[in-house]
Amino acid sequence: MKNRSSSYYRYQRKRAINRKLRIIKYAWGVDETDAIVHPYIKHPGKLSKAKLNCSCKMCKYEKHYDIPKPNVKSKKDLMQRDIKEYFTESITPRRDCVQILN
């Protein structure tokens, strides 16, 4: 483990808090001027370990529009290619089978 100073950890914590505050303010549309202030805006230190699970269409684009993830898409393409290859090989008759039939 690296020896890091307390200023490094303060910086990282502040960076994470500010990133999550921007998400709350701009993506969620929560502001300090609202009648009911969001608890994370009231006490931003809670954001240092909080998870912002958002399931909106902007954050989960692939999920809402049924777009497969790249690894799933590549596996599907590979399976399709294997199936196509299997059927093209099985349709063409082998030479020794043709001679027996004649």
Protein backbone atom coordinates (compact mmCIF):
# COMPACT_ATOMS: atom_id res chain seq x y z
CA MET A 1 0.00 0.00 0.00
CA LYS A 2 1.28 3.43 -0.86
CA ASN A 3 1.99 5.96 1.82
CA ARG A 4 -0.33 8.84 1.10
CA SER A 5 -0.77 12.02 3.02
CA SER A 6 -4.01 13.15 4.59
CA SER A 7 -4.22 15.98 2.07
CA TYR A 8 -4.42 13.40 -0.74
CA TYR A 9 -7.35 11.65 0.94
CA ARG A 10 -9.09 15.00 1.58
CA TYR A 11 -8.66 15.91 -2.08
CA GLN A 12 -10.10 12.58 -3.30
CA ARG A 13 -13.05 12.80 -0.91
CA LYS A 14 -13.81 16.37 -1.98
CA ARG A 15 -13.55 15.38 -5.65
CA ALA A 16 -16.03 12.52 -5.22
CA ILE A 17 -18.45 14.72 -3.27
CA ASN A 18 -18.36 17.49 -5.89
CA ARG A 19 -18.94 15.01 -8.72
CA LYS A 20 -22.00 13.56 -7.01
CA LEU A 21 -23.30 17.03 -6.12
CA ARG A 22 -23.16 17.98 -9.80
CA ILE A 23 -25.17 14.86 -10.66
CA ILE A 24 -27.80 15.72 -8.05
CA LYS A 25 -28.05 19.35 -9.15
CA TYR A 26 -27.96 19.01 -12.93
CA ALA A 27 -29.18 15.50 -13.73
CA TRP A 28 -31.76 15.17 -10.97
CA GLY A 29 -32.73 18.84 -11.09
CA VAL A 30 -32.52 19.40 -7.31
CA ASP A 31 -31.61 22.88 -6.14
CA GLU A 32 -30.98 24.67 -2.85
CA THR A 33 -33.92 26.98 -3.49
CA ASP A 34 -36.51 24.17 -3.43
CA ALA A 35 -39.06 24.12 -0.60
CA ILE A 36 -37.76 20.78 0.66
CA VAL A 37 -33.99 20.67 0.47
CA HIS A 38 -32.50 17.31 -0.48
CA PRO A 39 -30.57 15.81 2.46
CA TYR A 40 -27.44 15.38 0.35
CA ILE A 41 -27.41 19.08 -0.49
CA LYS A 42 -27.97 19.95 3.13
CA HIS A 43 -25.13 17.66 4.29
CA PRO A 44 -22.83 17.05 1.29
CA GLY A 45 -20.35 15.00 3.36
CA LYS A 46 -22.80 12.09 3.17
CA LEU A 47 -21.97 11.82 -0.52
CA SER A 48 -18.43 10.64 0.17
CA LYS A 49 -19.62 7.04 0.49
CA ALA A 50 -23.11 7.28 -0.95
CA LYS A 51 -24.06 5.52 -4.15
CA LEU A 52 -26.16 7.46 -6.61
CA ASN A 53 -28.22 4.77 -8.23
CA CYS A 54 -30.07 6.35 -11.06
CA SER A 55 -32.24 4.45 -13.49
CA CYS A 56 -33.31 7.31 -15.70
CA LYS A 57 -33.16 7.00 -19.48
CA MET A 58 -30.12 9.24 -19.64
CA CYS A 59 -28.04 7.07 -17.28
CA LYS A 60 -29.33 3.66 -18.37
CA TYR A 61 -29.69 4.27 -22.10
CA GLU A 62 -28.87 0.68 -23.14
CA LYS A 63 -31.35 -0.78 -20.68
CA HIS A 64 -34.33 1.35 -21.71
CA TYR A 65 -33.80 0.95 -25.44
CA ASP A 66 -32.75 -2.73 -25.37
CA ILE A 67 -29.29 -2.14 -26.78
CA PRO A 68 -27.04 -5.12 -25.99
CA LYS A 69 -23.75 -4.58 -24.25
CA PRO A 70 -20.66 -5.02 -26.44
CA ASN A 71 -19.60 -8.33 -24.86
CA VAL A 72 -23.10 -9.78 -25.26
CA LYS A 73 -23.25 -8.58 -28.86
CA SER A 74 -19.89 -10.16 -29.73
CA LYS A 75 -20.93 -13.49 -28.16
CA LYS A 76 -24.20 -13.41 -30.10
CA ASP A 77 -22.38 -12.65 -33.36
CA LEU A 78 -19.96 -15.52 -32.72
CA MET A 79 -22.83 -17.95 -32.07
CA GLN A 80 -24.64 -16.79 -35.23
CA ARG A 81 -21.48 -17.33 -37.26
CA ASP A 82 -21.03 -20.84 -35.80
CA ILE A 83 -24.65 -21.74 -36.56
CA LYS A 84 -24.35 -20.44 -40.12
CA GLU A 85 -21.11 -22.36 -40.61
CA TYR A 86 -22.68 -25.55 -39.24
CA PHE A 87 -25.65 -25.41 -41.58
CA THR A 88 -23.61 -24.55 -44.67
CA GLU A 89 -21.36 -27.56 -44.02
CA SER A 90 -24.25 -29.93 -43.38
CA ILE A 91 -26.20 -28.92 -46.49
CA THR A 92 -23.45 -29.57 -49.00
CA PRO A 93 -23.20 -33.33 -49.59
CA ARG A 94 -19.89 -35.06 -49.20
CA ARG A 95 -18.37 -36.78 -52.26
CA ASP A 96 -18.31 -40.26 -50.81
CA CYS A 97 -22.05 -40.04 -49.96
CA VAL A 98 -22.87 -38.96 -53.51
CA GLN A 99 -21.01 -41.93 -54.99
CA ILE A 100 -22.90 -44.38 -52.78
CA LEU A 101 -26.23 -42.91 -53.82
CA ASN A 102 -25.43 -43.21 -57.54
